[in-house]
Amino acid sequence: MTGSAHTALAPFWSARLGRADLTGLQASTRSGLVRTSLRGDRTWLSGDAVTVIEGDLLTEL
């Protein structure tokens, strides 16, 4: 869930720091850098990722 956390925090810190592009640290056992970039009402994330779970989303019952 680190992507959703950085997506929520990016607008807050971008406004405080006056910058649209930021780099954050995922401080955990699987640490890494997450780059965020605000583009209008969207937050773009980039960085390296590791797949920890896969699944299918069912849209019909």
PDB file of N, CA and C in Angstrom:
ATOM      1  N   MET A   1       0.800  -1.207   0.000  1.00  0.00           N
ATOM      2  CA  MET A   1       0.000   0.000   0.000  1.00  0.00           C
ATOM      3  C   MET A   1       0.840   1.268   0.000  1.00  0.00           C
ATOM      4  N   THR A   2       2.112   1.151  -0.163  1.00  0.00           N
ATOM      5  CA  THR A   2       2.941   2.345  -0.125  1.00  0.00           C
ATOM      6  C   THR A   2       2.605   3.311  -1.268  1.00  0.00           C
ATOM      7  N   GLY A   3       2.176   2.784  -2.426  1.00  0.00           N
ATOM      8  CA  GLY A   3       1.820   3.668  -3.533  1.00  0.00           C
ATOM      9  C   GLY A   3       0.663   4.578  -3.192  1.00  0.00           C
ATOM     10  N   SER A   4      -0.356   4.028  -2.549  1.00  0.00           N
ATOM     11  CA  SER A   4      -1.499   4.858  -2.178  1.00  0.00           C
ATOM     12  C   SER A   4      -1.113   5.884  -1.118  1.00  0.00           C
ATOM     13  N   ALA A   5      -0.237   5.525  -0.219  1.00  0.00           N
ATOM     14  CA  ALA A   5       0.216   6.481   0.808  1.00  0.00           C
ATOM     15  C   ALA A   5       0.991   7.637   0.166  1.00  0.00           C
ATOM     16  N   HIS A   6       1.901   7.326  -0.735  1.00  0.00           N
ATOM     17  CA  HIS A   6       2.662   8.382  -1.401  1.00  0.00           C
ATOM     18  C   HIS A   6       1.767   9.235  -2.292  1.00  0.00           C
ATOM     19  N   THR A   7       0.757   8.618  -2.903  1.00  0.00           N
ATOM     20  CA  THR A   7      -0.190   9.379  -3.726  1.00  0.00           C
ATOM     21  C   THR A   7      -0.954  10.388  -2.883  1.00  0.00           C
ATOM     22  N   ALA A   8      -1.302  10.011  -1.661  1.00  0.00           N
ATOM     23  CA  ALA A   8      -2.023  10.920  -0.764  1.00  0.00           C
ATOM     24  C   ALA A   8      -1.111  11.987  -0.176  1.00  0.00           C
ATOM     25  N   LEU A   9       0.133  11.631   0.116  1.00  0.00           N
ATOM     26  CA  LEU A   9       1.060  12.573   0.750  1.00  0.00           C
ATOM     27  C   LEU A   9       1.693  13.560  -0.234  1.00  0.00           C
ATOM     28  N   ALA A  10       1.803  13.174  -1.500  1.00  0.00           N
ATOM     29  CA  ALA A  10       2.479  14.032  -2.476  1.00  0.00           C
ATOM     30  C   ALA A  10       1.853  15.423  -2.600  1.00  0.00           C
ATOM     31  N   PRO A  11       0.528  15.563  -2.736  1.00  0.00           N
ATOM     32  CA  PRO A  11      -0.036  16.920  -2.829  1.00  0.00           C
ATOM     33  C   PRO A  11       0.220  17.750  -1.567  1.00  0.00           C
ATOM     34  N   PHE A  12       0.145  17.117  -0.404  1.00  0.00           N
ATOM     35  CA  PHE A  12       0.390  17.822   0.860  1.00  0.00           C
ATOM     36  C   PHE A  12       1.816  18.383   0.895  1.00  0.00           C
ATOM     37  N   TRP A  13       2.817  17.516   0.654  1.00  0.00           N
ATOM     38  CA  TRP A  13       4.204  17.960   0.740  1.00  0.00           C
ATOM     39  C   TRP A  13       4.592  18.857  -0.430  1.00  0.00           C
ATOM     40  N   SER A  14       4.014  18.628  -1.592  1.00  0.00           N
ATOM     41  CA  SER A  14       4.311  19.505  -2.730  1.00  0.00           C
ATOM     42  C   SER A  14       3.862  20.933  -2.458  1.00  0.00           C
ATOM     43  N   ALA A  15       2.685  21.083  -1.854  1.00  0.00           N
ATOM     44  CA  ALA A  15       2.192  22.422  -1.510  1.00  0.00           C
ATOM     45  C   ALA A  15       3.087  23.079  -0.455  1.00  0.00           C
ATOM     46  N   ARG A  16       3.499  22.305   0.535  1.00  0.00           N
ATOM     47  CA  ARG A  16       4.342  22.870   1.609  1.00  0.00           C
ATOM     48  C   ARG A  16       5.725  23.239   1.114  1.00  0.00           C
ATOM     49  N   LEU A  17       6.276  22.429   0.189  1.00  0.00           N
ATOM     50  CA  LEU A  17       7.642  22.656  -0.285  1.00  0.00           C
ATOM     51  C   LEU A  17       7.699  23.473  -1.571  1.00  0.00           C
ATOM     52  N   GLY A  18       6.538  23.703  -2.201  1.00  0.00           N
ATOM     53  CA  GLY A  18       6.505  24.496  -3.419  1.00  0.00           C
ATOM     54  C   GLY A  18       7.127  23.796  -4.619  1.00  0.00           C
ATOM     55  N   ARG A  19       7.041  22.459  -4.660  1.00  0.00           N
ATOM     56  CA  ARG A  19       7.622  21.686  -5.763  1.00  0.00           C
ATOM     57  C   ARG A  19       6.633  20.624  -6.219  1.00  0.00           C
ATOM     58  N   ALA A  20       6.541  20.414  -7.515  1.00  0.00           N
ATOM     59  CA  ALA A  20       5.622  19.405  -8.053  1.00  0.00           C
ATOM     60  C   ALA A  20       6.244  18.007  -8.070  1.00  0.00           C
ATOM     61  N   ASP A  21       7.579  17.935  -8.124  1.00  0.00           N
ATOM     62  CA  ASP A  21       8.282  16.657  -8.195  1.00  0.00           C
ATOM     63  C   ASP A  21       9.026  16.404  -6.890  1.00  0.00           C
ATOM     64  N   LEU A  22       8.778  15.234  -6.298  1.00  0.00           N
ATOM     65  CA  LEU A  22       9.397  14.878  -5.022  1.00  0.00           C
ATOM     66  C   LEU A  22       9.913  13.444  -5.071  1.00  0.00           C
ATOM     67  N   THR A  23      10.853  13.121  -4.194  1.00  0.00           N
ATOM     68  CA  THR A  23      11.333  11.754  -4.022  1.00  0.00           C
ATOM     69  C   THR A  23      11.127  11.376  -2.575  1.00  0.00           C
ATOM     70  N   GLY A  24      10.478  10.232  -2.360  1.00  0.00           N
ATOM     71  CA  GLY A  24      10.211   9.751  -1.014  1.00  0.00           C
ATOM     72  C   GLY A  24      10.919   8.432  -0.768  1.00  0.00           C
ATOM     73  N   LEU A  25      11.143   8.111   0.487  1.00  0.00           N
ATOM     74  CA  LEU A  25      11.770   6.865   0.884  1.00  0.00           C
ATOM     75  C   LEU A  25      10.742   5.945   1.510  1.00  0.00           C
ATOM     76  N   GLN A  26      10.625   4.738   0.975  1.00  0.00           N
ATOM     77  CA  GLN A  26       9.809   3.703   1.604  1.00  0.00           C
ATOM     78  C   GLN A  26      10.704   3.057   2.662  1.00  0.00           C
ATOM     79  N   ALA A  27      10.499   3.440   3.910  1.00  0.00           N
ATOM     80  CA  ALA A  27      11.355   2.970   5.003  1.00  0.00           C
ATOM     81  C   ALA A  27      10.752   1.713   5.625  1.00  0.00           C
ATOM     82  N   SER A  28      11.109   0.569   5.050  1.00  0.00           N
ATOM     83  CA  SER A  28      10.640  -0.713   5.558  1.00  0.00           C
ATOM     84  C   SER A  28      11.675  -1.766   5.207  1.00  0.00           C
ATOM     85  N   THR A  29      11.347  -3.008   5.455  1.00  0.00           N
ATOM     86  CA  THR A  29      12.272  -4.090   5.129  1.00  0.00           C
ATOM     87  C   THR A  29      12.611  -4.087   3.647  1.00  0.00           C
ATOM     88  N   ARG A  30      11.615  -3.837   2.806  1.00  0.00           N
ATOM     89  CA  ARG A  30      11.837  -3.734   1.362  1.00  0.00           C
ATOM     90  C   ARG A  30      11.938  -2.258   0.972  1.00  0.00           C
ATOM     91  N   SER A  31      12.914  -1.564   1.488  1.00  0.00           N
ATOM     92  CA  SER A  31      13.000  -0.120   1.272  1.00  0.00           C
ATOM     93  C   SER A  31      13.301   0.211  -0.184  1.00  0.00           C
ATOM     94  N   GLY A  32      13.002   1.438  -0.550  1.00  0.00           N
ATOM     95  CA  GLY A  32      13.267   1.911  -1.899  1.00  0.00           C
ATOM     96  C   GLY A  32      12.820   3.350  -2.051  1.00  0.00           C
ATOM     97  N   LEU A  33      13.125   3.916  -3.200  1.00  0.00           N
ATOM     98  CA  LEU A  33      12.751   5.293  -3.496  1.00  0.00           C
ATOM     99  C   LEU A  33      11.487   5.317  -4.345  1.00  0.00           C
ATOM    100  N   VAL A  34      10.619   6.256  -4.042  1.00  0.00           N
ATOM    101  CA  VAL A  34       9.385   6.470  -4.807  1.00  0.00           C
ATOM    102  C   VAL A  34       9.389   7.919  -5.261  1.00  0.00           C
ATOM    103  N   ARG A  35       9.346   8.115  -6.562  1.00  0.00           N
ATOM    104  CA  ARG A  35       9.295   9.467  -7.103  1.00  0.00           C
ATOM    105  C   ARG A  35       7.843   9.819  -7.398  1.00  0.00           C
ATOM    106  N   THR A  36       7.440  11.018  -6.983  1.00  0.00           N
ATOM    107  CA  THR A  36       6.075  11.485  -7.236  1.00  0.00           C
ATOM    108  C   THR A  36       6.141  12.755  -8.067  1.00  0.00           C
ATOM    109  N   SER A  37       5.141  12.923  -8.916  1.00  0.00           N
ATOM    110  CA  SER A  37       5.062  14.100  -9.765  1.00  0.00           C
ATOM    111  C   SER A  37       3.594  14.497  -9.902  1.00  0.00           C
ATOM    112  N   LEU A  38       3.274  15.715  -9.506  1.00  0.00           N
ATOM    113  CA  LEU A  38       1.893  16.194  -9.615  1.00  0.00           C
ATOM    114  C   LEU A  38       1.652  16.735 -11.007  1.00  0.00           C
ATOM    115  N   ARG A  39       0.580  16.231 -11.637  1.00  0.00           N
ATOM    116  CA  ARG A  39       0.179  16.667 -12.970  1.00  0.00           C
ATOM    117  C   ARG A  39      -1.314  16.931 -12.932  1.00  0.00           C
ATOM    118  N   GLY A  40      -1.699  18.181 -12.710  1.00  0.00           N
ATOM    119  CA  GLY A  40      -3.114  18.532 -12.569  1.00  0.00           C
ATOM    120  C   GLY A  40      -3.673  17.902 -11.307  1.00  0.00           C
ATOM    121  N   ASP A  41      -4.754  17.153 -11.445  1.00  0.00           N
ATOM    122  CA  ASP A  41      -5.348  16.508 -10.271  1.00  0.00           C
ATOM    123  C   ASP A  41      -4.850  15.072 -10.101  1.00  0.00           C
ATOM    124  N   ARG A  42      -3.790  14.716 -10.818  1.00  0.00           N
ATOM    125  CA  ARG A  42      -3.223  13.364 -10.757  1.00  0.00           C
ATOM    126  C   ARG A  42      -1.850  13.385 -10.103  1.00  0.00           C
ATOM    127  N   THR A  43      -1.518  12.281  -9.455  1.00  0.00           N
ATOM    128  CA  THR A  43      -0.174  12.089  -8.916  1.00  0.00           C
ATOM    129  C   THR A  43       0.447  10.905  -9.638  1.00  0.00           C
ATOM    130  N   TRP A  44       1.572  11.139 -10.301  1.00  0.00           N
ATOM    131  CA  TRP A  44       2.279  10.083 -11.010  1.00  0.00           C
ATOM    132  C   TRP A  44       3.335   9.507 -10.079  1.00  0.00           C
ATOM    133  N   LEU A  45       3.431   8.192 -10.030  1.00  0.00           N
ATOM    134  CA  LEU A  45       4.442   7.507  -9.232  1.00  0.00           C
ATOM    135  C   LEU A  45       5.421   6.800 -10.154  1.00  0.00           C
ATOM    136  N   SER A  46       6.690   6.775  -9.756  1.00  0.00           N
ATOM    137  CA  SER A  46       7.670   5.995 -10.499  1.00  0.00           C
ATOM    138  C   SER A  46       8.706   5.457  -9.525  1.00  0.00           C
ATOM    139  N   GLY A  47       9.343   4.400  -9.942  1.00  0.00           N
ATOM    140  CA  GLY A  47      10.344   3.742  -9.126  1.00  0.00           C
ATOM    141  C   GLY A  47      10.338   2.255  -9.438  1.00  0.00           C
ATOM    142  N   ASP A  48      11.143   1.499  -8.741  1.00  0.00           N
ATOM    143  CA  ASP A  48      11.187   0.052  -8.928  1.00  0.00           C
ATOM    144  C   ASP A  48      10.096  -0.596  -8.097  1.00  0.00           C
ATOM    145  N   ALA A  49       9.586  -1.722  -8.575  1.00  0.00           N
ATOM    146  CA  ALA A  49       8.501  -2.405  -7.871  1.00  0.00           C
ATOM    147  C   ALA A  49       8.760  -3.910  -7.838  1.00  0.00           C
ATOM    148  N   VAL A  50       8.185  -4.547  -6.843  1.00  0.00           N
ATOM    149  CA  VAL A  50       8.235  -5.992  -6.706  1.00  0.00           C
ATOM    150  C   VAL A  50       6.802  -6.485  -6.574  1.00  0.00           C
ATOM    151  N   THR A  51       6.409  -7.446  -7.388  1.00  0.00           N
ATOM    152  CA  THR A  51       5.066  -8.020  -7.295  1.00  0.00           C
ATOM    153  C   THR A  51       5.022  -8.956  -6.094  1.00  0.00           C
ATOM    154  N   VAL A  52       4.092  -8.692  -5.174  1.00  0.00           N
ATOM    155  CA  VAL A  52       3.962  -9.543  -3.985  1.00  0.00           C
ATOM    156  C   VAL A  52       2.678 -10.355  -3.998  1.00  0.00           C
ATOM    157  N   ILE A  53       1.737  -9.990  -4.867  1.00  0.00           N
ATOM    158  CA  ILE A  53       0.495 -10.744  -4.987  1.00  0.00           C
ATOM    159  C   ILE A  53      -0.099 -10.462  -6.371  1.00  0.00           C
ATOM    160  N   GLU A  54      -0.731 -11.466  -6.935  1.00  0.00           N
ATOM    161  CA  GLU A  54      -1.413 -11.309  -8.201  1.00  0.00           C
ATOM    162  C   GLU A  54      -2.822 -11.806  -8.059  1.00  0.00           C
ATOM    163  N   GLY A  55      -3.738 -11.278  -8.870  1.00  0.00           N
ATOM    164  CA  GLY A  55      -5.136 -11.715  -8.809  1.00  0.00           C
ATOM    165  C   GLY A  55      -5.916 -11.187  -9.992  1.00  0.00           C
ATOM    166  N   ASP A  56      -7.172 -11.518 -10.011  1.00  0.00           N
ATOM    167  CA  ASP A  56      -8.081 -11.066 -11.054  1.00  0.00           C
ATOM    168  C   ASP A  56      -9.202 -10.260 -10.413  1.00  0.00           C
ATOM    169  N   LEU A  57      -9.605  -9.203 -11.074  1.00  0.00           N
ATOM    170  CA  LEU A  57     -10.708  -8.375 -10.622  1.00  0.00           C
ATOM    171  C   LEU A  57     -11.951  -8.765 -11.405  1.00  0.00           C
ATOM    172  N   LEU A  58     -12.980  -9.223 -10.711  1.00  0.00           N
ATOM    173  CA  LEU A  58     -14.217  -9.617 -11.363  1.00  0.00           C
ATOM    174  C   LEU A  58     -15.164  -8.425 -11.378  1.00  0.00           C
ATOM    175  N   THR A  59     -15.678  -8.085 -12.560  1.00  0.00           N
ATOM    176  CA  THR A  59     -16.547  -6.910 -12.675  1.00  0.00           C
ATOM    177  C   THR A  59     -18.007  -7.297 -12.862  1.00  0.00           C
ATOM    178  N   GLU A  60     -18.297  -8.581 -13.057  1.00  0.00           N
ATOM    179  CA  GLU A  60     -19.675  -9.039 -13.206  1.00  0.00           C
ATOM    180  C   GLU A  60     -19.953 -10.134 -12.194  1.00  0.00           C
ATOM    181  N   LEU A  61     -21.183 -10.191 -11.704  1.00  0.00           N
ATOM    182  CA  LEU A  61     -21.566 -11.246 -10.772  1.00  0.00           C
ATOM    183  C   LEU A  61     -22.280 -12.369 -11.474  1.00  0.00           C
TER     184      LEU A  61
END
